[in-house]
Protein backbone atom coordinates (compact mmCIF):
# COMPACT_ATOMS: atom_id res chain seq x y z
CA MET A 1 -17.85 -5.30 -1.61
CA SER A 2 -18.37 -5.62 -5.43
CA THR A 3 -15.72 -7.15 -8.29
CA GLY A 4 -14.49 -5.64 -11.14
CA GLN A 5 -12.88 -2.49 -11.98
CA TRP A 6 -11.39 -0.47 -14.72
CA ILE A 7 -7.96 -0.58 -15.41
CA PRO A 8 -5.82 2.04 -16.91
CA THR A 9 -3.10 1.75 -19.97
CA PRO A 10 -0.19 3.18 -20.48
CA ASP A 11 -1.94 4.55 -24.08
CA GLY A 12 -4.71 6.42 -21.68
CA ASP A 13 -7.17 3.98 -22.51
CA ALA A 14 -8.49 1.33 -19.87
CA TRP A 15 -10.13 -2.11 -19.96
CA TYR A 16 -12.93 -3.31 -17.28
CA PHE A 17 -11.39 -6.47 -15.30
CA ASP A 18 -13.69 -8.56 -13.34
CA ALA A 19 -11.14 -10.67 -11.09
CA GLY A 20 -14.71 -12.92 -9.94
CA ALA A 21 -13.70 -12.11 -6.31
CA GLU A 22 -13.09 -8.92 -4.46
CA SER A 23 -9.73 -10.26 -2.92
CA LEU A 24 -8.19 -10.94 -6.73
CA ASP A 25 -9.52 -7.25 -7.51
CA PHE A 26 -7.39 -6.79 -4.93
CA ALA A 27 -4.48 -8.37 -6.42
CA SER A 28 -4.52 -7.17 -9.42
CA THR A 29 -4.15 -3.41 -8.35
CA GLY A 30 -0.41 -4.06 -8.30
CA PRO A 31 1.65 -5.61 -10.56
CA VAL A 32 1.00 -9.00 -11.96
CA GLY A 33 3.00 -11.29 -14.32
CA GLY A 34 2.38 -10.99 -18.30
CA ALA A 35 0.89 -8.25 -17.91
CA PRO A 36 2.77 -4.82 -18.86
CA ASP A 37 -0.30 -2.62 -19.05
CA LEU A 38 -0.97 -3.78 -15.03
CA GLY A 39 1.54 -1.64 -12.87
CA GLU A 40 1.44 -0.32 -9.45
CA ARG A 41 -1.58 1.76 -8.26
CA LEU A 42 -1.35 1.64 -5.46
CA HIS A 43 1.59 4.28 -4.69
CA ALA A 44 0.42 6.77 -2.17
CA PRO A 45 -2.19 6.10 0.84
CA ALA A 46 -5.42 8.16 -1.20
CA ASP A 47 -4.81 5.34 -3.93
CA LEU A 48 -5.33 2.97 -1.87
CA GLY A 49 -7.96 5.12 0.03
CA THR A 50 -10.30 5.61 -3.31
CA TRP A 51 -9.59 1.75 -4.43
CA LEU A 52 -11.64 0.90 -0.51
CA ALA A 53 -14.16 3.80 -0.95
CA GLU A 54 -15.28 2.93 -3.78
CA ARG A 55 -16.18 -0.62 -2.68
CA VAL A 56 -16.75 0.67 0.91
CA PRO A 57 -18.97 3.39 1.19
CA SER A 58 -18.97 4.03 4.55
CA LEU A 59 -15.46 4.29 4.80
CA ARG A 60 -13.49 8.10 4.13
CA ALA A 61 -10.67 8.09 1.54
CA ASP A 62 -8.97 10.46 3.56
CA ASP A 63 -8.45 8.20 6.46
CA VAL A 64 -6.31 5.58 5.18
CA THR A 65 -2.40 6.14 6.82
CA GLU A 66 1.04 5.41 5.27
CA ARG A 67 0.68 2.83 7.96
CA ASP A 68 -2.66 1.41 6.00
CA LEU A 69 -0.65 1.32 3.28
CA ALA A 70 1.82 -0.85 4.32
CA ASP A 71 -0.33 -3.49 5.65
CA ALA A 72 -2.10 -3.81 2.38
CA LEU A 73 0.76 -3.99 0.30
CA ILE A 74 1.76 -6.51 2.52
CA LEU A 75 -1.86 -8.72 2.05
CA ARG A 76 -1.61 -7.83 -1.95
CA GLY A 77 1.42 -9.53 -2.07
CA ALA A 78 0.13 -12.33 0.12
CA LEU A 79 -3.21 -12.50 -2.10
CA ALA A 80 -1.03 -12.70 -5.71
CA ARG A 81 1.05 -15.19 -4.16
CA LEU A 82 -1.71 -17.03 -2.91
CA TYR A 83 -3.80 -16.80 -6.04
CA ALA A 84 -0.64 -17.43 -8.84
CA ALA A 85 -0.42 -21.02 -6.71
CA ALA A 86 -3.83 -21.85 -6.65
CA ALA A 87 -4.54 -21.34 -10.23
CA ASP A 88 -0.72 -22.96 -11.80
CA GLY A 89 -1.49 -26.18 -8.75
CA GLY A 90 1.66 -25.36 -6.60
CA ALA A 91 1.40 -25.28 -2.81
CA PHE A 92 0.59 -22.18 -0.97
CA ALA A 93 3.72 -20.97 1.20
CA ALA A 94 3.44 -21.50 5.00
CA ASP A 95 4.29 -17.06 5.36
CA ASP A 96 1.40 -16.01 2.99
CA VAL A 97 -1.06 -18.35 4.85
CA ASP A 98 -0.14 -17.56 8.06
CA THR A 99 -0.44 -13.59 6.38
CA LEU A 100 -3.85 -14.08 4.98
CA ASN A 101 -5.18 -15.45 8.72
CA LEU A 102 -4.15 -13.07 10.24
CA PHE A 103 -5.82 -10.46 8.21
CA ALA A 104 -8.57 -12.14 8.21
CA ALA A 105 -8.29 -12.57 12.12
CA THR A 106 -8.80 -9.19 12.70
CA PRO A 107 -12.91 -7.22 13.24
CA ASP A 108 -13.81 -6.67 9.21
CA ILE A 109 -17.23 -4.76 8.52
CA PRO A 110 -20.19 -5.51 10.57
CA PRO A 111 -22.99 -6.44 8.54
CA ALA A 112 -26.16 -3.74 9.18
CA LEU A 113 -29.77 -3.43 7.81
CA PRO A 114 -30.84 -0.16 6.77
CA GLY A 115 -34.39 1.35 7.90
CA GLY A 116 -33.77 1.60 11.73
CA ARG A 117 -33.60 4.09 14.21
CA ARG A 118 -30.79 3.40 15.76
CA GLN A 119 -27.03 3.93 14.59
CA ALA A 120 -25.23 1.00 16.39
CA GLY A 121 -22.68 -1.01 14.12
CA THR A 122 -22.93 2.07 11.17
CA GLY A 123 -19.79 4.21 12.13
CA ARG A 124 -17.06 5.17 10.09
CA ILE A 125 -15.48 1.54 8.91
CA ARG A 126 -11.55 1.80 8.99
CA PRO A 127 -9.28 1.10 6.33
CA ALA A 128 -8.35 -2.38 8.19
CA GLN A 129 -11.49 -3.86 8.53
CA ALA A 130 -11.95 -3.20 4.70
CA LEU A 131 -8.51 -5.11 4.28
CA SER A 132 -10.29 -8.17 7.02
CA ALA A 133 -12.75 -7.99 4.78
CA ILE A 134 -11.09 -8.79 1.88
CA ALA A 135 -8.80 -11.40 3.45
CA ARG A 136 -12.28 -13.43 4.65
CA ASP A 137 -13.38 -12.75 0.81
CA ALA A 138 -9.74 -14.51 0.22
CA ILE A 139 -10.10 -17.21 2.13
CA ALA A 140 -13.07 -18.55 1.10
CA ALA A 141 -12.44 -18.00 -2.92
CA LEU A 142 -8.87 -20.11 -2.05
CA GLY A 143 -11.50 -22.77 -0.23
CA GLU A 144 -13.23 -23.85 -3.30
CA PRO A 145 -13.22 -26.99 -5.12
CA GLU A 146 -10.20 -26.75 -7.87
CA GLY A 147 -10.60 -25.00 -11.32
CA ARG A 148 -11.91 -22.10 -10.41
CA ILE A 149 -8.81 -20.19 -10.14
CA ARG A 150 -7.25 -19.89 -13.61
CA ARG A 151 -5.00 -17.81 -15.56
CA CYS A 152 -5.78 -15.79 -19.11
CA ALA A 153 -5.71 -18.77 -21.94
CA ALA A 154 -4.19 -15.65 -23.63
CA ASP A 155 -0.16 -16.45 -24.40
CA ASP A 156 0.90 -13.25 -23.73
CA CYS A 157 -1.69 -12.38 -20.56
CA ARG A 158 -0.88 -14.71 -17.91
CA ILE A 159 -3.46 -12.95 -15.22
CA VAL A 160 -5.20 -14.46 -12.87
CA TYR A 161 -9.40 -14.93 -11.86
CA ARG A 162 -11.63 -16.39 -10.58
CA ASP A 163 -14.00 -18.35 -12.87
CA GLU A 164 -17.56 -17.88 -12.06
CA SER A 165 -19.25 -18.80 -14.84
CA ARG A 166 -22.13 -21.48 -14.49
CA THR A 167 -20.23 -24.23 -16.71
CA ASN A 168 -16.86 -23.69 -15.43
CA SER A 169 -15.66 -22.16 -18.81
CA ARG A 170 -14.49 -18.83 -19.16
CA ARG A 171 -11.16 -18.54 -20.74
CA TRP A 172 -10.13 -14.60 -20.60
CA CYS A 173 -9.27 -12.31 -17.73
CA SER A 174 -11.23 -10.22 -19.90
CA MET A 175 -13.53 -10.52 -23.83
CA GLN A 176 -12.44 -6.96 -24.24
CA ARG A 177 -9.14 -7.06 -24.06
CA CYS A 178 -7.75 -10.68 -24.12
CA GLY A 179 -10.90 -12.49 -26.04
CA ASN A 180 -11.60 -9.90 -27.75
CA ARG A 181 -7.60 -10.06 -29.31
CA ALA A 182 -8.29 -13.99 -29.46
CA LYS A 183 -11.12 -13.51 -31.98
CA VAL A 184 -9.06 -11.62 -34.23
CA ARG A 185 -6.47 -13.14 -34.58
CA ALA A 186 -8.26 -16.47 -35.22
CA HIS A 187 -10.40 -14.20 -37.71
CA ARG A 188 -7.10 -12.81 -39.70
CA ALA A 189 -5.40 -17.01 -39.36
CA ARG A 190 -9.40 -17.82 -40.97
CA ALA A 191 -8.78 -15.23 -43.69
CA ARG A 192 -4.74 -15.55 -44.89
CA GLN A 193 -5.79 -19.08 -44.54
CA ALA A 194 -9.01 -18.78 -47.32
CA ALA A 195 -6.48 -16.29 -49.24
CA THR A 196 -4.01 -19.14 -50.13
CA ALA A 197 -6.43 -21.76 -51.13
């Protein structure tokens, strides 16, 4: 699985958000506090199927059922709360930990090296396997040293991301979105200060 996704905005535009972990990208497919342009994007099984198939090519988007969508929304809710707790330095809720562990305990996507003659393990991937892989990714990310899971530094954005920078210095959910707006505000403030000086 890969990280990053285009987030549509209400005005029909989109911005690229790489949360730094596939499971955090998944948690960001629903309403995210402080970011009104990050509304619900998984309205139907087809929406979930498309999102998963973009990341797991051997998964067929039309294999996703209403039950898979219901399961995915349960996992996503637990992920969002766990990541918010990690970013805010809070304790994890036991129910959310249990939910995450339950999804991680189911069989996930088996690794397969291409180039062989036999097709063992290369069959169709089921949505439950993709959700299990997402849960396992979250366990790895949430178990990292403190400080890697954080919130965007913009006052009007509280999106959670995983800082993958070598110096652990990422400040914005996206330079295209919040980083750019912060630079524009700083430039305008300097220009106003220079004009009044």
